[in-house]
Amino acid sequence: MNQVDFFKCLSDQTRLDLLMLVLKKTECCVCEFTEILALSQPKISRHLALLRSHKILQDRRQGQWVYYRLHDQLPAWCLAVLTQTLQTHEGLRNLEISNYKTNTCCE
């Protein structure tokens, strides 16, 4: 993992929010991201593609749905940075994900 590329990915609010949600939930579908972050599917997908290309996230397909999680080969230092960031992330720190009807669109 290139440190500069990793921190560039974190420098965008949308990508940071996506990563914090994945870290908090372990795995998310695009429909969950769009509902929780109130952003369009194309915008979410564009950012997810960048995170995949830098091997920060990986995806798995289940039927027509795509689920995202942290990459299996993400270096420990990256995970430590993300974990520490989640503890202080203003936007998602107190977000109660259970308040959202997640996974209803992709079941």
C-alpha atoms as a PDB file:
ATOM      1  CA  MET A   1       0.000   0.000   0.000  1.00  0.00           C
ATOM      2  CA  ASN A   2       1.361   3.351  -1.048  1.00  0.00           C
ATOM      3  CA  GLN A   3       1.028   5.766   1.896  1.00  0.00           C
ATOM      4  CA  VAL A   4       0.397   8.799  -0.289  1.00  0.00           C
ATOM      5  CA  ASP A   5      -2.424   7.073  -2.203  1.00  0.00           C
ATOM      6  CA  PHE A   6      -3.962   5.817   1.035  1.00  0.00           C
ATOM      7  CA  PHE A   7      -4.065   9.270   2.588  1.00  0.00           C
ATOM      8  CA  LYS A   8      -5.334  10.816  -0.654  1.00  0.00           C
ATOM      9  CA  CYS A   9      -8.260   8.392  -0.489  1.00  0.00           C
ATOM     10  CA  LEU A  10      -8.962   9.462   3.086  1.00  0.00           C
ATOM     11  CA  SER A  11      -8.811  13.144   2.159  1.00  0.00           C
ATOM     12  CA  ASP A  12     -12.206  13.043   0.437  1.00  0.00           C
ATOM     13  CA  GLN A  13     -15.201  13.277   2.792  1.00  0.00           C
ATOM     14  CA  THR A  14     -17.319  10.797   0.835  1.00  0.00           C
ATOM     15  CA  ARG A  15     -14.573   8.168   0.711  1.00  0.00           C
ATOM     16  CA  LEU A  16     -13.826   8.702   4.393  1.00  0.00           C
ATOM     17  CA  ASP A  17     -17.507   8.238   5.241  1.00  0.00           C
ATOM     18  CA  LEU A  18     -17.671   5.066   3.127  1.00  0.00           C
ATOM     19  CA  LEU A  19     -14.660   3.615   4.901  1.00  0.00           C
ATOM     20  CA  MET A  20     -16.006   4.518   8.317  1.00  0.00           C
ATOM     21  CA  LEU A  21     -19.306   2.791   7.533  1.00  0.00           C
ATOM     22  CA  VAL A  22     -17.547  -0.335   6.309  1.00  0.00           C
ATOM     23  CA  LEU A  23     -15.379  -0.367   9.408  1.00  0.00           C
ATOM     24  CA  LYS A  24     -18.405   0.114  11.645  1.00  0.00           C
ATOM     25  CA  LYS A  25     -20.607  -2.489   9.893  1.00  0.00           C
ATOM     26  CA  THR A  26     -17.928  -4.858   8.492  1.00  0.00           C
ATOM     27  CA  GLU A  27     -19.735  -5.106   5.143  1.00  0.00           C
ATOM     28  CA  CYS A  28     -22.110  -2.804   3.244  1.00  0.00           C
ATOM     29  CA  CYS A  29     -24.138  -2.878   0.061  1.00  0.00           C
ATOM     30  CA  VAL A  30     -24.304   0.170  -2.220  1.00  0.00           C
ATOM     31  CA  CYS A  31     -27.977   0.668  -1.327  1.00  0.00           C
ATOM     32  CA  GLU A  32     -26.974   0.974   2.345  1.00  0.00           C
ATOM     33  CA  PHE A  33     -24.384   3.618   1.512  1.00  0.00           C
ATOM     34  CA  THR A  34     -26.897   5.625  -0.505  1.00  0.00           C
ATOM     35  CA  GLU A  35     -29.491   5.488   2.269  1.00  0.00           C
ATOM     36  CA  ILE A  36     -27.182   6.300   5.175  1.00  0.00           C
ATOM     37  CA  LEU A  37     -25.126   8.976   3.414  1.00  0.00           C
ATOM     38  CA  ALA A  38     -28.029  10.370   1.339  1.00  0.00           C
ATOM     39  CA  LEU A  39     -25.907  10.380  -1.826  1.00  0.00           C
ATOM     40  CA  SER A  40     -26.618   9.153  -5.356  1.00  0.00           C
ATOM     41  CA  GLN A  41     -25.657   5.654  -6.433  1.00  0.00           C
ATOM     42  CA  PRO A  42     -23.353   6.886  -9.242  1.00  0.00           C
ATOM     43  CA  LYS A  43     -21.416   9.099  -6.822  1.00  0.00           C
ATOM     44  CA  ILE A  44     -21.053   6.264  -4.310  1.00  0.00           C
ATOM     45  CA  SER A  45     -19.989   3.810  -7.023  1.00  0.00           C
ATOM     46  CA  ARG A  46     -17.345   6.171  -8.379  1.00  0.00           C
ATOM     47  CA  HIS A  47     -15.737   6.488  -4.947  1.00  0.00           C
ATOM     48  CA  LEU A  48     -16.003   2.751  -4.275  1.00  0.00           C
ATOM     49  CA  ALA A  49     -14.220   2.036  -7.570  1.00  0.00           C
ATOM     50  CA  LEU A  50     -11.295   4.206  -6.486  1.00  0.00           C
ATOM     51  CA  LEU A  51     -11.104   2.511  -3.088  1.00  0.00           C
ATOM     52  CA  ARG A  52     -11.145  -0.892  -4.816  1.00  0.00           C
ATOM     53  CA  SER A  53      -8.448   0.113  -7.290  1.00  0.00           C
ATOM     54  CA  HIS A  54      -6.147   1.066  -4.400  1.00  0.00           C
ATOM     55  CA  LYS A  55      -6.970  -2.250  -2.678  1.00  0.00           C
ATOM     56  CA  ILE A  56      -8.481  -0.580   0.361  1.00  0.00           C
ATOM     57  CA  LEU A  57     -11.843  -2.239  -0.234  1.00  0.00           C
ATOM     58  CA  GLN A  58     -12.848  -5.459  -1.909  1.00  0.00           C
ATOM     59  CA  ASP A  59     -16.221  -6.564  -3.105  1.00  0.00           C
ATOM     60  CA  ARG A  60     -18.248  -9.712  -3.376  1.00  0.00           C
ATOM     61  CA  ARG A  61     -21.275 -10.298  -5.527  1.00  0.00           C
ATOM     62  CA  GLN A  62     -24.401 -11.983  -4.318  1.00  0.00           C
ATOM     63  CA  GLY A  63     -26.902 -12.158  -7.126  1.00  0.00           C
ATOM     64  CA  GLN A  64     -27.372  -8.636  -8.446  1.00  0.00           C
ATOM     65  CA  TRP A  65     -26.021  -7.012  -5.263  1.00  0.00           C
ATOM     66  CA  VAL A  66     -22.434  -6.015  -4.527  1.00  0.00           C
ATOM     67  CA  TYR A  67     -21.146  -5.894  -0.958  1.00  0.00           C
ATOM     68  CA  TYR A  68     -17.997  -4.069   0.128  1.00  0.00           C
ATOM     69  CA  ARG A  69     -15.590  -4.755   2.973  1.00  0.00           C
ATOM     70  CA  LEU A  70     -12.031  -3.867   3.884  1.00  0.00           C
ATOM     71  CA  HIS A  71      -9.486  -5.615   1.692  1.00  0.00           C
ATOM     72  CA  ASP A  72      -8.120  -8.854   3.172  1.00  0.00           C
ATOM     73  CA  GLN A  73      -4.566  -7.719   2.482  1.00  0.00           C
ATOM     74  CA  LEU A  74      -4.921  -4.219   3.915  1.00  0.00           C
ATOM     75  CA  PRO A  75      -1.717  -3.506   5.871  1.00  0.00           C
ATOM     76  CA  ALA A  76      -2.006  -3.340   9.654  1.00  0.00           C
ATOM     77  CA  TRP A  77      -0.940   0.315   9.707  1.00  0.00           C
ATOM     78  CA  CYS A  78      -3.865   1.212   7.396  1.00  0.00           C
ATOM     79  CA  LEU A  79      -6.317  -0.600   9.624  1.00  0.00           C
ATOM     80  CA  ALA A  80      -4.867   1.173  12.666  1.00  0.00           C
ATOM     81  CA  VAL A  81      -5.322   4.576  10.986  1.00  0.00           C
ATOM     82  CA  LEU A  82      -8.918   3.745  10.029  1.00  0.00           C
ATOM     83  CA  THR A  83      -9.755   2.420  13.491  1.00  0.00           C
ATOM     84  CA  GLN A  84      -8.340   5.517  15.177  1.00  0.00           C
ATOM     85  CA  THR A  85     -10.183   7.737  12.703  1.00  0.00           C
ATOM     86  CA  LEU A  86     -13.494   5.992  13.431  1.00  0.00           C
ATOM     87  CA  GLN A  87     -13.083   6.750  17.132  1.00  0.00           C
ATOM     88  CA  THR A  88     -12.903  10.483  16.420  1.00  0.00           C
ATOM     89  CA  HIS A  89     -14.886  10.831  13.162  1.00  0.00           C
ATOM     90  CA  GLU A  90     -17.395  13.605  13.819  1.00  0.00           C
ATOM     91  CA  GLY A  91     -19.950  12.622  11.212  1.00  0.00           C
ATOM     92  CA  LEU A  92     -20.282   8.931  12.019  1.00  0.00           C
ATOM     93  CA  ARG A  93     -18.991   8.611  15.561  1.00  0.00           C
ATOM     94  CA  ASN A  94     -22.472   8.743  17.067  1.00  0.00           C
ATOM     95  CA  LEU A  95     -24.398   7.453  14.069  1.00  0.00           C
ATOM     96  CA  GLU A  96     -26.679   4.658  15.123  1.00  0.00           C
ATOM     97  CA  ILE A  97     -26.705   2.519  12.006  1.00  0.00           C
ATOM     98  CA  SER A  98     -29.504   0.357  13.377  1.00  0.00           C
ATOM     99  CA  ASN A  99     -31.849   3.341  12.864  1.00  0.00           C
ATOM    100  CA  TYR A 100     -31.625   2.769   9.110  1.00  0.00           C
ATOM    101  CA  LYS A 101     -33.534   0.070   7.298  1.00  0.00           C
ATOM    102  CA  THR A 102     -30.364  -1.327   5.818  1.00  0.00           C
ATOM    103  CA  ASN A 103     -30.273  -4.441   3.668  1.00  0.00           C
ATOM    104  CA  THR A 104     -33.987  -4.162   2.844  1.00  0.00           C
ATOM    105  CA  CYS A 105     -33.232  -3.322  -0.776  1.00  0.00           C
ATOM    106  CA  CYS A 106     -30.697  -6.077  -1.260  1.00  0.00           C
ATOM    107  CA  GLU A 107     -32.343  -9.036   0.409  1.00  0.00           C
END
